[in-house]
Amino acid sequence: MRFSDPLHPGVLIKRYKRFLADVTLDSGETVTAHCPNPGSMMGLKDPGSRCWLSQTDNPKRKLKYTLEVLEADGALIGINTNRPNALAEEAITSGVIATLSGYDSLKREVKYGANSRIDLLLDSEDRPTCYVEVKNCHLMRTPGLAEFPDSVTTRGAKHLGELSDMVRQGCRAVQLFIVQRNDCDVLSPAEDLDPNYAQALRDAAASGVEVIAWACAVTLDGIEVVREIEVKL
């Protein structure tokens, strides 16, 4: 996935009210950007961090800048949680994630379960329907270890229960973590931050839900899913 236009470099002043970030651009201008990330962004919101913003000329947008990439731990990290579904779709349709390739159709945001929508629904006439829940991950507190979530996610635990229900109905179900950084080799649940989610993930895996994680190469030109990493529950 390539960015449609060059990103604007700057320095993060602060991230606040979850969805706002003040940034001093390299041009000297200070702007308020949309921060498309509802999580805590632990370790990724230090004032003074290098960051990069996309820009839109859409007159309906209140904020024309969007925070896309931050530098931390010597790496570039994608923080836009609206990107992983598209990244996953691109990786599946191109054959990068081979275990999810080969289906006749791929649909996004299909209703299922208890008033939920599955991120990706894969269908073929000759194999069980596959439900894929995509989660964004960018937390790294220990070098090489990606962790999810970075804050409590009751909704995430609910989704795992619904994936387990799909397995019991004879379908295939996959929890796919898209790690928007390329300096991690293992993913584990952040037990201390959300023990309920960690247990729900283990329960889902025990019920037959496949849990996989893929790391991304993040550059200032775009973001690409490049390699599978180990999952330790």
Protein backbone atom coordinates (compact mmCIF):
# COMPACT_ATOMS: atom_id res chain seq x y z
CA MET A 1 0.00 0.00 0.00
CA ARG A 2 1.63 3.19 -1.18
CA PHE A 3 0.78 6.60 0.18
CA SER A 4 -1.01 8.59 -2.49
CA ASP A 5 1.16 11.68 -1.93
CA PRO A 6 4.46 12.42 -0.16
CA LEU A 7 4.14 12.62 3.62
CA HIS A 8 4.91 15.82 5.51
CA PRO A 9 7.71 15.46 8.09
CA GLY A 10 7.51 17.06 11.51
CA VAL A 11 7.96 16.72 15.25
CA LEU A 12 5.20 15.60 17.61
CA ILE A 13 4.27 18.19 20.24
CA LYS A 14 1.55 16.15 21.91
CA ARG A 15 -1.20 13.64 21.26
CA TYR A 16 -4.41 14.35 23.19
CA LYS A 17 -8.14 13.64 23.34
CA ARG A 18 -7.32 10.31 21.66
CA PHE A 19 -7.84 11.58 18.13
CA LEU A 20 -5.83 14.81 18.01
CA ALA A 21 -2.11 15.51 17.66
CA ASP A 22 -0.25 18.80 17.51
CA VAL A 23 2.79 18.70 15.24
CA THR A 24 5.44 21.21 14.22
CA LEU A 25 6.15 20.59 10.55
CA ASP A 26 9.66 20.91 9.20
CA SER A 27 8.40 23.99 7.37
CA GLY A 28 7.99 25.66 10.77
CA GLU A 29 4.18 25.59 10.74
CA THR A 30 2.37 24.09 13.74
CA VAL A 31 -0.73 22.11 12.82
CA THR A 32 -3.36 19.98 14.54
CA ALA A 33 -3.69 16.59 12.85
CA HIS A 34 -6.22 13.80 13.09
CA CYS A 35 -4.77 10.86 15.05
CA PRO A 36 -6.57 7.76 13.70
CA ASN A 37 -5.80 5.54 16.68
CA PRO A 38 -8.17 4.90 19.62
CA GLY A 39 -5.59 2.97 21.67
CA SER A 40 -3.17 4.26 24.28
CA MET A 41 -0.25 4.43 21.78
CA MET A 42 2.03 3.41 24.63
CA GLY A 43 5.64 4.23 23.78
CA LEU A 44 4.66 6.08 20.60
CA LYS A 45 3.51 9.49 21.78
CA ASP A 46 6.58 11.03 23.37
CA PRO A 47 6.85 14.77 22.66
CA GLY A 48 9.71 15.46 20.30
CA SER A 49 9.27 12.24 18.30
CA ARG A 50 9.76 12.46 14.56
CA CYS A 51 6.50 11.93 12.69
CA TRP A 52 5.00 12.11 9.22
CA LEU A 53 1.56 13.30 8.16
CA SER A 54 -0.60 12.73 5.11
CA GLN A 55 -2.64 15.61 3.72
CA THR A 56 -6.07 15.81 2.13
CA ASP A 57 -7.77 18.63 0.26
CA ASN A 58 -11.24 17.24 1.00
CA PRO A 59 -13.33 20.32 1.96
CA LYS A 60 -15.53 18.11 4.19
CA ARG A 61 -12.58 17.27 6.45
CA LYS A 62 -12.19 19.51 9.48
CA LEU A 63 -8.50 18.59 9.78
CA LYS A 64 -6.51 18.33 6.58
CA TYR A 65 -3.57 16.44 8.12
CA THR A 66 -3.53 12.84 9.40
CA LEU A 67 -0.82 11.30 11.57
CA GLU A 68 0.48 8.24 9.71
CA VAL A 69 3.99 7.29 10.82
CA LEU A 70 6.06 7.80 13.97
CA GLU A 71 9.69 7.01 14.70
CA ALA A 72 10.40 5.04 17.89
CA ASP A 73 13.07 2.55 18.96
CA GLY A 74 14.99 3.45 15.82
CA ALA A 75 12.18 2.21 13.57
CA LEU A 76 9.35 3.65 11.52
CA ILE A 77 5.93 2.60 12.84
CA GLY A 78 2.53 2.93 11.23
CA ILE A 79 -0.06 4.18 13.72
CA ASN A 80 -3.13 4.58 11.51
CA THR A 81 -5.53 1.84 12.67
CA ASN A 82 -7.63 2.35 9.53
CA ARG A 83 -4.84 0.82 7.42
CA PRO A 84 -4.59 -2.86 8.57
CA ASN A 85 -7.77 -4.13 6.88
CA ALA A 86 -6.57 -2.81 3.52
CA LEU A 87 -3.06 -4.10 4.19
CA ALA A 88 -4.45 -7.56 5.01
CA GLU A 89 -6.64 -7.60 1.91
CA GLU A 90 -3.73 -6.60 -0.29
CA ALA A 91 -1.49 -9.29 1.24
CA ILE A 92 -4.15 -11.98 0.84
CA THR A 93 -5.12 -11.18 -2.74
CA SER A 94 -1.47 -10.92 -3.81
CA GLY A 95 -0.67 -14.30 -2.25
CA VAL A 96 1.71 -12.98 0.41
CA ILE A 97 -0.36 -14.57 3.19
CA ALA A 98 -0.51 -17.92 1.46
CA THR A 99 -2.58 -19.65 4.17
CA LEU A 100 -5.46 -17.26 3.40
CA SER A 101 -5.11 -17.23 -0.37
CA GLY A 102 -7.00 -19.24 -2.98
CA TYR A 103 -10.56 -18.28 -2.08
CA ASP A 104 -12.97 -17.28 -4.84
CA SER A 105 -14.15 -14.08 -3.16
CA LEU A 106 -13.15 -11.63 -0.45
CA LYS A 107 -15.68 -9.29 1.16
CA ARG A 108 -15.15 -6.64 3.83
CA GLU A 109 -17.33 -5.62 6.77
CA VAL A 110 -19.90 -8.43 6.50
CA LYS A 111 -22.49 -8.71 9.28
CA TYR A 112 -22.24 -11.78 11.51
CA GLY A 113 -22.52 -12.85 15.14
CA ALA A 114 -24.20 -10.63 17.71
CA ASN A 115 -24.45 -7.31 15.90
CA SER A 116 -20.85 -7.47 14.64
CA ARG A 117 -19.10 -7.18 11.29
CA ILE A 118 -16.25 -9.42 10.26
CA ASP A 119 -13.30 -7.56 8.78
CA LEU A 120 -12.72 -10.01 5.92
CA LEU A 121 -14.95 -12.85 4.72
CA LEU A 122 -13.35 -15.39 2.38
CA ASP A 123 -15.59 -17.68 0.36
CA SER A 124 -15.23 -20.61 -2.03
CA GLU A 125 -17.61 -23.32 -3.18
CA ASP A 126 -15.20 -26.14 -2.30
CA ARG A 127 -14.03 -25.10 1.19
CA PRO A 128 -15.52 -23.74 4.43
CA THR A 129 -16.20 -20.02 4.68
CA CYS A 130 -13.33 -18.25 6.43
CA TYR A 131 -13.92 -15.40 8.91
CA VAL A 132 -10.87 -13.16 9.39
CA GLU A 133 -10.71 -10.63 12.22
CA VAL A 134 -7.88 -8.12 11.71
CA LYS A 135 -6.23 -6.32 14.61
CA ASN A 136 -3.63 -3.57 14.42
CA CYS A 137 -0.56 -3.98 16.62
CA HIS A 138 2.36 -1.63 17.23
CA LEU A 139 3.24 -1.98 20.92
CA MET A 140 6.80 -3.12 21.68
CA ARG A 141 8.06 -2.89 25.27
CA THR A 142 10.65 -5.65 25.03
CA PRO A 143 12.95 -5.61 21.98
CA GLY A 144 11.62 -7.97 19.34
CA LEU A 145 8.31 -8.65 21.11
CA ALA A 146 5.06 -7.22 19.73
CA GLU A 147 2.17 -7.13 22.20
CA PHE A 148 -1.57 -6.67 21.85
CA PRO A 149 -3.56 -4.82 23.08
CA ASP A 150 -2.02 -1.57 24.33
CA SER A 151 -5.16 -0.86 26.40
CA VAL A 152 -8.23 -2.77 27.55
CA THR A 153 -10.38 -3.99 24.65
CA THR A 154 -13.69 -5.53 25.66
CA ARG A 155 -14.74 -5.40 22.02
CA GLY A 156 -11.69 -7.42 21.02
CA ALA A 157 -12.55 -10.17 23.48
CA LYS A 158 -16.13 -10.21 22.16
CA HIS A 159 -14.84 -10.73 18.62
CA LEU A 160 -12.78 -13.71 19.74
CA GLY A 161 -15.88 -15.33 21.21
CA GLU A 162 -17.72 -14.82 17.95
CA LEU A 163 -14.86 -16.33 15.96
CA SER A 164 -15.06 -19.39 18.22
CA ASP A 165 -18.79 -19.61 17.46
CA MET A 166 -18.00 -19.70 13.75
CA VAL A 167 -15.61 -22.62 14.28
CA ARG A 168 -18.31 -24.51 16.15
CA GLN A 169 -20.61 -23.95 13.16
CA GLY A 170 -18.10 -25.63 10.87
CA CYS A 171 -16.44 -22.53 9.45
CA ARG A 172 -12.82 -21.48 9.49
CA ALA A 173 -11.91 -18.53 11.73
CA VAL A 174 -8.68 -16.56 11.90
CA GLN A 175 -7.42 -13.84 14.22
CA LEU A 176 -4.89 -11.93 12.11
CA PHE A 177 -2.59 -9.40 13.77
CA ILE A 178 -1.06 -6.83 11.42
CA VAL A 179 2.07 -5.48 13.14
CA GLN A 180 2.82 -2.07 11.65
CA ARG A 181 6.54 -2.31 12.34
CA ASN A 182 9.32 -4.64 11.19
CA ASP A 183 11.50 -4.97 14.28
CA CYS A 184 9.50 -7.71 16.03
CA ASP A 185 9.86 -11.48 15.64
CA VAL A 186 7.25 -12.65 18.17
CA LEU A 187 3.76 -11.54 19.17
CA SER A 188 2.14 -12.24 22.54
CA PRO A 189 -0.94 -10.94 24.36
CA ALA A 190 -0.21 -8.08 26.78
CA GLU A 191 -1.36 -9.99 29.85
CA ASP A 192 -0.68 -7.18 32.32
CA LEU A 193 -2.61 -4.60 30.29
CA ASP A 194 -5.70 -6.72 29.57
CA PRO A 195 -5.71 -10.16 31.24
CA ASN A 196 -9.27 -10.82 30.05
CA TYR A 197 -8.25 -10.41 26.42
CA ALA A 198 -5.18 -12.58 26.90
CA GLN A 199 -7.32 -15.39 28.29
CA ALA A 200 -9.93 -14.91 25.56
CA LEU A 201 -7.20 -15.26 22.93
CA ARG A 202 -5.96 -18.52 24.48
CA ASP A 203 -9.53 -19.82 24.74
CA ALA A 204 -10.20 -18.95 21.11
CA ALA A 205 -7.05 -20.74 19.98
CA ALA A 206 -8.05 -23.80 22.00
CA SER A 207 -11.46 -23.78 20.30
CA GLY A 208 -9.87 -23.90 16.85
CA VAL A 209 -9.45 -20.23 15.94
CA GLU A 210 -6.18 -19.77 14.05
CA VAL A 211 -4.01 -16.99 15.51
CA ILE A 212 -1.41 -15.56 13.14
CA ALA A 213 0.70 -12.39 13.02
CA TRP A 214 2.42 -10.64 10.15
CA ALA A 215 4.95 -7.80 10.34
CA CYS A 216 5.05 -4.85 7.97
CA ALA A 217 7.81 -2.96 6.26
CA VAL A 218 7.06 0.70 6.96
CA THR A 219 8.65 3.37 4.79
CA LEU A 220 7.79 6.96 3.94
CA ASP A 221 6.51 5.74 0.58
CA GLY A 222 4.09 3.14 1.95
CA ILE A 223 3.42 0.14 4.15
CA GLU A 224 3.60 -3.50 3.08
CA VAL A 225 2.93 -6.81 4.84
CA VAL A 226 6.18 -8.73 4.44
CA ARG A 227 6.68 -11.62 6.87
CA GLU A 228 4.96 -13.89 9.35
CA ILE A 229 6.15 -13.79 12.95
CA GLU A 230 5.75 -16.32 15.73
CA VAL A 231 2.77 -16.14 18.08
CA LYS A 232 3.26 -17.16 21.70
CA LEU A 233 0.11 -17.40 23.79
